[in-house]
């Protein structure tokens, strides 16, 4: 298991970036530049990561590759291809995006996200990006979401089978899949199901926490580690058992100070897991 954060933390140089990550207790990083950065700067950050023993876990994409406007859709898919090629150049474990939304918000929840058309377009989109990028050293992955496919491990397995590309793998964000009472109250069993069904296909993981608010109707609230009830230690243990170098990335905090604080909580909670 290699802990990391999605935050680059304030820094002035690539060397300072790597040093700050290591000082925080990170063994993995999210690459802080995108494919539009100058190659020499990309190389500086890669060299800094390598020299400090930091595994490049992810290259983020975070674009709606299913946008309804054809010009926008083409633009975002080009960006997906460029980011996946960057991940390949870096030897990152994966490039990660969400499937995309059938509405105005790029990552929003819409009924149409679960239509047959959305499923079929997602399959074709993933194939198109992987085929165009033609990578050998990384994988394209989709982060599960509460309101777009894939919402669970069985969905993900079906998607893998239908995409039928060996460079398509799994990004595990288990909190994003906790979208109902069953998965909240029986979280240990859900973690086991994800580990057993997706196993060695998992390339990188996100970690945070979830809290059930005592208000009607069912309200699940994402929060920092230790502020919710999710069995984080069991989650990390199962992911680490799949791969001892599994990246587990803390995300969705707002300031460097929060990342430092919650990383401390996380390291204490996960102490001793190998």
Protein backbone atom coordinates (compact mmCIF):
# COMPACT_ATOMS: atom_id res chain seq x y z
CA UNK A 1 0.00 0.00 0.00
CA UNK A 2 1.25 3.45 -0.97
CA UNK A 3 -0.60 6.42 0.47
CA UNK A 4 -0.89 9.64 -1.51
CA UNK A 5 -3.03 12.72 -1.94
CA UNK A 6 -4.69 14.36 -4.92
CA UNK A 7 -3.16 17.71 -3.88
CA UNK A 8 0.14 18.95 -5.33
CA UNK A 9 0.64 21.02 -2.15
CA UNK A 10 2.18 24.48 -2.47
CA UNK A 11 5.63 24.25 -4.07
CA UNK A 12 7.99 26.16 -6.30
CA UNK A 13 9.94 23.43 -8.09
CA UNK A 14 9.52 19.79 -9.04
CA UNK A 15 12.07 18.84 -6.39
CA UNK A 16 10.18 20.75 -3.71
CA UNK A 17 6.94 19.08 -4.84
CA UNK A 18 8.44 15.62 -4.40
CA UNK A 19 10.04 16.50 -1.07
CA UNK A 20 6.75 17.80 0.33
CA UNK A 21 4.93 14.64 -0.76
CA UNK A 22 7.51 12.42 0.92
CA UNK A 23 7.51 14.52 4.09
CA UNK A 24 3.74 14.03 4.31
CA UNK A 25 4.21 10.27 4.22
CA UNK A 26 3.27 9.70 0.60
CA UNK A 27 4.57 6.80 -1.45
CA UNK A 28 2.36 7.57 -4.45
CA UNK A 29 1.34 10.76 -6.24
CA UNK A 30 -1.18 12.11 -8.68
CA UNK A 31 0.82 13.74 -11.48
CA UNK A 32 0.38 17.51 -11.09
CA UNK A 33 0.81 18.55 -14.75
CA UNK A 34 -1.33 17.84 -17.79
CA UNK A 35 -0.45 16.99 -21.37
CA UNK A 36 -0.27 20.65 -22.42
CA UNK A 37 2.78 21.27 -20.19
CA UNK A 38 6.21 21.61 -21.84
CA UNK A 39 7.98 18.27 -22.16
CA UNK A 40 11.01 19.46 -20.21
CA UNK A 41 8.80 20.40 -17.27
CA UNK A 42 6.98 17.06 -17.43
CA UNK A 43 10.39 15.36 -17.39
CA UNK A 44 11.45 17.39 -14.34
CA UNK A 45 8.45 16.19 -12.34
CA UNK A 46 8.87 12.60 -13.48
CA UNK A 47 12.56 12.66 -12.51
CA UNK A 48 11.71 14.17 -9.12
CA UNK A 49 9.10 11.48 -8.46
CA UNK A 50 11.45 8.69 -9.50
CA UNK A 51 14.38 10.02 -7.45
CA UNK A 52 12.21 10.16 -4.31
CA UNK A 53 10.66 6.72 -4.80
CA UNK A 54 7.20 8.11 -5.54
CA UNK A 55 4.94 5.91 -7.65
CA UNK A 56 2.92 7.91 -10.19
CA UNK A 57 -0.51 6.49 -9.46
CA UNK A 58 -2.78 8.53 -11.71
CA UNK A 59 -3.03 11.07 -14.46
CA UNK A 60 -6.40 12.79 -14.08
CA UNK A 61 -8.73 13.62 -16.95
CA UNK A 62 -12.03 14.87 -15.45
CA UNK A 63 -13.86 15.79 -18.65
CA UNK A 64 -17.25 14.82 -20.08
CA UNK A 65 -16.35 12.56 -22.98
CA UNK A 66 -20.08 11.93 -23.57
CA UNK A 67 -20.97 15.61 -23.98
CA UNK A 68 -24.11 16.10 -26.08
CA UNK A 69 -22.55 18.82 -28.24
CA UNK A 70 -20.51 17.06 -30.97
CA UNK A 71 -17.73 19.65 -31.01
CA UNK A 72 -17.41 19.59 -27.22
CA UNK A 73 -17.46 15.79 -27.20
CA UNK A 74 -14.68 15.61 -29.80
CA UNK A 75 -12.59 18.14 -27.88
CA UNK A 76 -12.92 16.25 -24.61
CA UNK A 77 -12.11 12.90 -26.21
CA UNK A 78 -8.98 14.39 -27.74
CA UNK A 79 -8.01 15.50 -24.24
CA UNK A 80 -8.66 11.99 -22.90
CA UNK A 81 -6.35 10.54 -25.54
CA UNK A 82 -3.63 13.10 -24.76
CA UNK A 83 -3.86 12.42 -21.01
CA UNK A 84 -3.75 8.66 -21.54
CA UNK A 85 -0.64 9.07 -23.70
CA UNK A 86 0.90 11.22 -20.97
CA UNK A 87 0.20 8.46 -18.44
CA UNK A 88 1.86 6.00 -20.81
CA UNK A 89 4.93 8.22 -21.16
CA UNK A 90 5.20 8.52 -17.38
CA UNK A 91 4.58 4.83 -16.72
CA UNK A 92 1.69 5.84 -14.46
CA UNK A 93 -0.53 3.07 -13.18
CA UNK A 94 -3.56 4.61 -14.90
CA UNK A 95 -5.27 7.60 -16.43
CA UNK A 96 -8.67 8.15 -14.83
CA UNK A 97 -11.91 9.82 -15.86
CA UNK A 98 -15.61 9.40 -15.14
CA UNK A 99 -17.85 7.94 -17.82
CA UNK A 100 -19.62 11.24 -18.47
CA UNK A 101 -23.07 12.77 -18.13
CA UNK A 102 -26.09 13.22 -20.38
CA UNK A 103 -26.88 16.72 -19.08
CA UNK A 104 -25.41 20.19 -18.59
CA UNK A 105 -23.17 19.40 -15.61
CA UNK A 106 -20.13 17.39 -16.72
CA UNK A 107 -20.33 14.98 -13.78
CA UNK A 108 -24.01 15.40 -12.93
CA UNK A 109 -26.70 12.85 -12.19
CA UNK A 110 -29.40 12.38 -14.83
CA UNK A 111 -31.89 9.65 -15.63
CA UNK A 112 -30.41 9.44 -19.12
CA UNK A 113 -27.05 8.40 -17.61
CA UNK A 114 -28.57 4.95 -17.09
CA UNK A 115 -30.15 4.54 -20.51
CA UNK A 116 -29.18 1.84 -22.97
CA UNK A 117 -27.82 4.59 -25.22
CA UNK A 118 -25.55 5.84 -22.41
CA UNK A 119 -24.22 2.34 -21.82
CA UNK A 120 -23.53 1.72 -25.51
CA UNK A 121 -21.90 5.12 -25.98
CA UNK A 122 -19.71 4.54 -22.93
CA UNK A 123 -18.47 1.25 -24.34
CA UNK A 124 -17.68 2.87 -27.70
CA UNK A 125 -16.07 5.90 -26.02
CA UNK A 126 -13.68 3.74 -23.97
CA UNK A 127 -12.74 1.68 -27.03
CA UNK A 128 -12.16 4.82 -29.10
CA UNK A 129 -9.87 6.44 -26.51
CA UNK A 130 -7.81 3.29 -25.93
CA UNK A 131 -7.51 2.49 -29.64
CA UNK A 132 -6.44 6.02 -30.53
CA UNK A 133 -3.97 6.36 -27.67
CA UNK A 134 -2.38 2.95 -28.41
CA UNK A 135 -0.65 2.71 -25.03
CA UNK A 136 1.57 -0.04 -23.63
CA UNK A 137 2.67 1.13 -20.18
CA UNK A 138 -0.57 2.23 -18.52
CA UNK A 139 -4.33 1.69 -18.40
CA UNK A 140 -7.44 3.76 -19.04
CA UNK A 141 -9.88 3.61 -16.11
CA UNK A 142 -13.26 5.01 -15.14
CA UNK A 143 -13.95 6.17 -11.62
CA UNK A 144 -17.26 4.76 -10.36
CA UNK A 145 -19.90 7.34 -9.53
CA UNK A 146 -23.15 7.32 -7.51
CA UNK A 147 -25.19 8.50 -10.51
CA UNK A 148 -23.47 7.26 -13.65
CA UNK A 149 -22.12 3.94 -14.81
CA UNK A 150 -20.42 2.02 -13.38
CA UNK A 151 -22.12 2.29 -9.98
CA UNK A 152 -20.87 -1.06 -8.66
CA UNK A 153 -18.47 -3.96 -9.24
CA UNK A 154 -20.90 -6.01 -11.32
CA UNK A 155 -21.47 -3.03 -13.62
CA UNK A 156 -17.72 -2.63 -13.91
CA UNK A 157 -17.19 -6.29 -14.80
CA UNK A 158 -19.85 -6.10 -17.50
CA UNK A 159 -18.25 -2.94 -18.87
CA UNK A 160 -14.83 -4.61 -18.99
CA UNK A 161 -16.26 -7.56 -20.88
CA UNK A 162 -18.08 -5.41 -23.43
CA UNK A 163 -15.22 -2.95 -23.96
CA UNK A 164 -12.92 -5.93 -24.61
CA UNK A 165 -9.62 -4.01 -24.49
CA UNK A 166 -6.67 -5.22 -22.42
CA UNK A 167 -5.72 -1.62 -21.57
CA UNK A 168 -9.03 -0.98 -19.82
CA UNK A 169 -8.83 -1.51 -16.06
CA UNK A 170 -10.42 -0.44 -12.78
CA UNK A 171 -10.15 2.69 -10.71
CA UNK A 172 -11.55 2.01 -7.24
CA UNK A 173 -13.44 4.78 -5.51
CA UNK A 174 -15.54 2.74 -3.15
CA UNK A 175 -17.13 5.70 -1.35
CA UNK A 176 -18.56 6.88 -4.68
CA UNK A 177 -20.36 3.54 -4.90
CA UNK A 178 -21.91 3.83 -1.44
CA UNK A 179 -25.19 5.15 -2.79
CA UNK A 180 -27.75 3.19 -0.75
CA UNK A 181 -28.49 1.97 2.78
CA UNK A 182 -27.34 -1.58 2.04
CA UNK A 183 -23.83 -0.55 1.00
CA UNK A 184 -23.58 1.87 3.92
CA UNK A 185 -24.71 -0.50 6.68
CA UNK A 186 -22.97 -3.57 5.22
CA UNK A 187 -19.82 -1.81 4.06
CA UNK A 188 -17.45 -4.65 5.03
CA UNK A 189 -19.35 -7.06 2.84
CA UNK A 190 -19.41 -4.54 -0.01
CA UNK A 191 -15.64 -4.05 0.25
CA UNK A 192 -15.19 -7.82 0.07
CA UNK A 193 -17.44 -8.03 -2.98
CA UNK A 194 -15.45 -5.34 -4.80
CA UNK A 195 -12.13 -6.97 -3.93
CA UNK A 196 -13.27 -10.43 -5.00
CA UNK A 197 -14.92 -9.38 -8.26
CA UNK A 198 -12.42 -6.75 -9.47
CA UNK A 199 -9.22 -7.92 -7.78
CA UNK A 200 -6.08 -7.61 -9.88
CA UNK A 201 -7.83 -5.32 -12.38
CA UNK A 202 -7.66 -2.47 -9.82
CA UNK A 203 -4.90 0.02 -10.65
CA UNK A 204 -5.44 2.80 -8.10
CA UNK A 205 -7.82 3.71 -5.27
CA UNK A 206 -9.30 6.84 -3.73
CA UNK A 207 -10.03 7.10 -0.05
CA UNK A 208 -12.25 9.40 2.03
CA UNK A 209 -15.16 8.69 4.38
CA UNK A 210 -18.96 8.74 4.41
CA UNK A 211 -21.43 9.84 7.06
CA UNK A 212 -25.14 9.06 7.32
CA UNK A 213 -27.05 12.18 8.32
CA UNK A 214 -29.99 11.62 10.67
CA UNK A 215 -32.46 13.38 8.42
CA UNK A 216 -35.06 12.27 5.91
CA UNK A 217 -34.73 10.94 3.34
CA UNK A 218 -31.53 8.86 3.14
CA UNK A 219 -28.64 11.38 3.08
CA UNK A 220 -25.09 10.15 2.70
CA UNK A 221 -22.43 12.82 3.06
CA UNK A 222 -18.82 12.52 1.88
CA UNK A 223 -16.31 13.63 4.52
CA UNK A 224 -12.69 13.39 5.58
CA UNK A 225 -11.26 10.18 7.10
CA UNK A 226 -12.47 9.64 10.64
CA UNK A 227 -15.47 11.95 10.25
CA UNK A 228 -17.69 9.14 9.00
CA UNK A 229 -18.39 5.48 9.64
CA UNK A 230 -16.81 3.66 6.69
CA UNK A 231 -14.43 0.80 7.65
CA UNK A 232 -11.35 2.42 6.12
CA UNK A 233 -8.91 -0.07 7.62
CA UNK A 234 -10.73 -3.03 6.13
CA UNK A 235 -10.87 -1.26 2.76
CA UNK A 236 -7.14 -0.49 2.76
CA UNK A 237 -6.31 -4.02 3.95
CA UNK A 238 -8.25 -5.64 1.11
CA UNK A 239 -6.73 -3.33 -1.49
CA UNK A 240 -3.21 -3.84 -0.14
CA UNK A 241 -3.71 -7.61 -0.22
CA UNK A 242 -4.41 -7.34 -3.96
CA UNK A 243 -1.17 -5.42 -4.56
CA UNK A 244 1.37 -4.34 -1.93
CA UNK A 245 2.12 -1.25 -4.05
CA UNK A 246 -1.55 -0.32 -4.42
CA UNK A 247 -1.93 3.48 -4.46
CA UNK A 248 -4.54 4.76 -1.98
CA UNK A 249 -5.13 8.43 -2.68
CA UNK A 250 -6.75 10.88 -0.24
CA UNK A 251 -8.94 13.39 -2.10
CA UNK A 252 -11.65 16.07 -2.06
CA UNK A 253 -10.25 18.25 0.69
CA UNK A 254 -10.00 22.00 0.27
CA UNK A 255 -6.67 23.25 1.62
CA UNK A 256 -3.12 22.01 2.09
CA UNK A 257 -3.70 22.23 5.84
CA UNK A 258 -6.65 19.85 5.57
CA UNK A 259 -4.59 17.38 3.57
CA UNK A 260 -1.81 17.46 6.16
CA UNK A 261 -4.30 17.01 9.01
CA UNK A 262 -6.37 14.23 7.46
CA UNK A 263 -3.28 12.40 6.20
CA UNK A 264 -2.23 12.23 9.83
CA UNK A 265 -5.59 10.71 10.74
CA UNK A 266 -5.33 8.26 7.87
CA UNK A 267 -1.79 7.13 8.70
CA UNK A 268 -2.84 6.47 12.30
CA UNK A 269 -5.93 4.53 11.21
CA UNK A 270 -4.01 2.41 8.70
CA UNK A 271 -0.86 1.90 10.73
CA UNK A 272 0.65 -1.54 10.28
CA UNK A 273 -1.10 -2.45 7.03
CA UNK A 274 1.33 -3.83 4.48
